[in-house]
Every structure is written in C-alpha cells, then in structure tokens.
Amino acid sequence: MTEWIEMGKFAQLDETAQKEASRMAEYALDIALDPAQVIRFEETEKGFRLLIDEALYKFYQGL
C-alpha cells in the first residue's frame, strides 16, 4: 500500500493549484512515474489537498 504525503492545501482548484500539480508532474516524469498514478487532489471541508505518492516524495526531497 502506498503512503500519500500532503504537499499543499488550496481553497479551490484554481490556476495556482494546477501549477503546483503540474510542477509535481514534471518531477514524476523525470523518474518515469505516471503523474496520474502518483499525484492527486483530495477534497476537504475547507478546499482541496494536493497529495503525492511516497516514491515521488522521496525523489522530490532527494532521499
């Protein structure tokens, strides 16, 4: 089972949220991961959370 790490919170899925997701998608592609499988938005009571897969997070953090 994959662990998901929160990378950001957004009030709505606006241009700022999409830009951050696109930035994460570029990292995913750099290490041959499918962005659709390792990046997602989750709806919350106050908006949306941007989540990334643990494998992508480790690459992003340089671990």
C-alpha atoms as a PDB file:
ATOM      1  CA  MET A   1       0.000   0.000   0.000  1.00  0.00           C
ATOM      2  CA  THR A   2       1.280   3.412  -0.950  1.00  0.00           C
ATOM      3  CA  GLU A   3       1.527   6.239   1.527  1.00  0.00           C
ATOM      4  CA  TRP A   4       0.380   9.665   0.332  1.00  0.00           C
ATOM      5  CA  ILE A   5       2.083  12.848   1.506  1.00  0.00           C
ATOM      6  CA  GLU A   6       0.341  16.220   1.579  1.00  0.00           C
ATOM      7  CA  MET A   7       2.181  18.843  -0.463  1.00  0.00           C
ATOM      8  CA  GLY A   8      -0.267  21.718  -0.266  1.00  0.00           C
ATOM      9  CA  LYS A   9      -3.727  22.969   0.651  1.00  0.00           C
ATOM     10  CA  PHE A  10      -5.864  25.071  -1.657  1.00  0.00           C
ATOM     11  CA  ALA A  11      -9.234  26.745  -1.198  1.00  0.00           C
ATOM     12  CA  GLN A  12     -10.169  25.798  -4.752  1.00  0.00           C
ATOM     13  CA  LEU A  13      -8.725  24.042  -7.773  1.00  0.00           C
ATOM     14  CA  ASP A  14      -7.584  27.272  -9.368  1.00  0.00           C
ATOM     15  CA  GLU A  15      -4.587  28.141 -11.510  1.00  0.00           C
ATOM     16  CA  THR A  16      -2.246  28.130  -8.508  1.00  0.00           C
ATOM     17  CA  ALA A  17      -3.274  24.592  -7.533  1.00  0.00           C
ATOM     18  CA  GLN A  18      -2.945  23.373 -11.118  1.00  0.00           C
ATOM     19  CA  LYS A  19       0.513  24.935 -11.469  1.00  0.00           C
ATOM     20  CA  GLU A  20       1.717  23.142  -8.352  1.00  0.00           C
ATOM     21  CA  ALA A  21       0.298  19.838  -9.612  1.00  0.00           C
ATOM     22  CA  SER A  22       1.997  20.418 -12.976  1.00  0.00           C
ATOM     23  CA  ARG A  23       5.295  21.061 -11.239  1.00  0.00           C
ATOM     24  CA  MET A  24       4.958  17.773  -9.354  1.00  0.00           C
ATOM     25  CA  ALA A  25       4.026  16.030 -12.632  1.00  0.00           C
ATOM     26  CA  GLU A  26       7.330  17.167 -14.155  1.00  0.00           C
ATOM     27  CA  TYR A  27       9.223  15.567 -11.263  1.00  0.00           C
ATOM     28  CA  ALA A  28       7.210  12.364 -11.735  1.00  0.00           C
ATOM     29  CA  LEU A  29       8.054  12.221 -15.427  1.00  0.00           C
ATOM     30  CA  ASP A  30      11.739  12.787 -14.625  1.00  0.00           C
ATOM     31  CA  ILE A  31      11.807   9.459 -12.786  1.00  0.00           C
ATOM     32  CA  ALA A  32       9.478   7.591 -15.177  1.00  0.00           C
ATOM     33  CA  LEU A  33       6.383   7.668 -12.967  1.00  0.00           C
ATOM     34  CA  ASP A  34       2.903   8.220 -14.365  1.00  0.00           C
ATOM     35  CA  PRO A  35       1.658  11.531 -12.899  1.00  0.00           C
ATOM     36  CA  ALA A  36      -1.924  10.223 -12.942  1.00  0.00           C
ATOM     37  CA  GLN A  37      -0.854   7.445 -10.578  1.00  0.00           C
ATOM     38  CA  VAL A  38       1.303   9.435  -8.151  1.00  0.00           C
ATOM     39  CA  ILE A  39      -0.419  12.832  -7.873  1.00  0.00           C
ATOM     40  CA  ARG A  40      -3.964  13.539  -6.754  1.00  0.00           C
ATOM     41  CA  PHE A  41      -6.219  16.124  -5.211  1.00  0.00           C
ATOM     42  CA  GLU A  42      -8.422  15.202  -2.271  1.00  0.00           C
ATOM     43  CA  GLU A  43     -11.432  17.287  -1.343  1.00  0.00           C
ATOM     44  CA  THR A  44     -11.630  18.509   2.260  1.00  0.00           C
ATOM     45  CA  GLU A  45     -14.120  20.615   4.208  1.00  0.00           C
ATOM     46  CA  LYS A  46     -12.055  23.745   3.502  1.00  0.00           C
ATOM     47  CA  GLY A  47     -10.998  23.057  -0.087  1.00  0.00           C
ATOM     48  CA  PHE A  48      -8.506  20.613  -1.552  1.00  0.00           C
ATOM     49  CA  ARG A  49      -5.245  18.925  -0.606  1.00  0.00           C
ATOM     50  CA  LEU A  50      -2.535  18.093  -3.124  1.00  0.00           C
ATOM     51  CA  LEU A  51      -1.139  14.636  -2.361  1.00  0.00           C
ATOM     52  CA  ILE A  52       1.816  12.822  -3.898  1.00  0.00           C
ATOM     53  CA  ASP A  53       2.943   9.223  -3.677  1.00  0.00           C
ATOM     54  CA  GLU A  54       5.718   8.344  -1.246  1.00  0.00           C
ATOM     55  CA  ALA A  55       8.102   7.360  -4.083  1.00  0.00           C
ATOM     56  CA  LEU A  56       7.717  10.753  -5.747  1.00  0.00           C
ATOM     57  CA  TYR A  57       8.098  12.482  -2.381  1.00  0.00           C
ATOM     58  CA  LYS A  58      11.407  10.713  -1.742  1.00  0.00           C
ATOM     59  CA  PHE A  59      12.726  11.853  -5.123  1.00  0.00           C
ATOM     60  CA  TYR A  60      11.421  15.395  -4.554  1.00  0.00           C
ATOM     61  CA  GLN A  61      13.185  15.555  -1.176  1.00  0.00           C
ATOM     62  CA  GLY A  62      16.386  13.989  -2.524  1.00  0.00           C
ATOM     63  CA  LEU A  63      16.150  10.929  -0.302  1.00  0.00           C
END
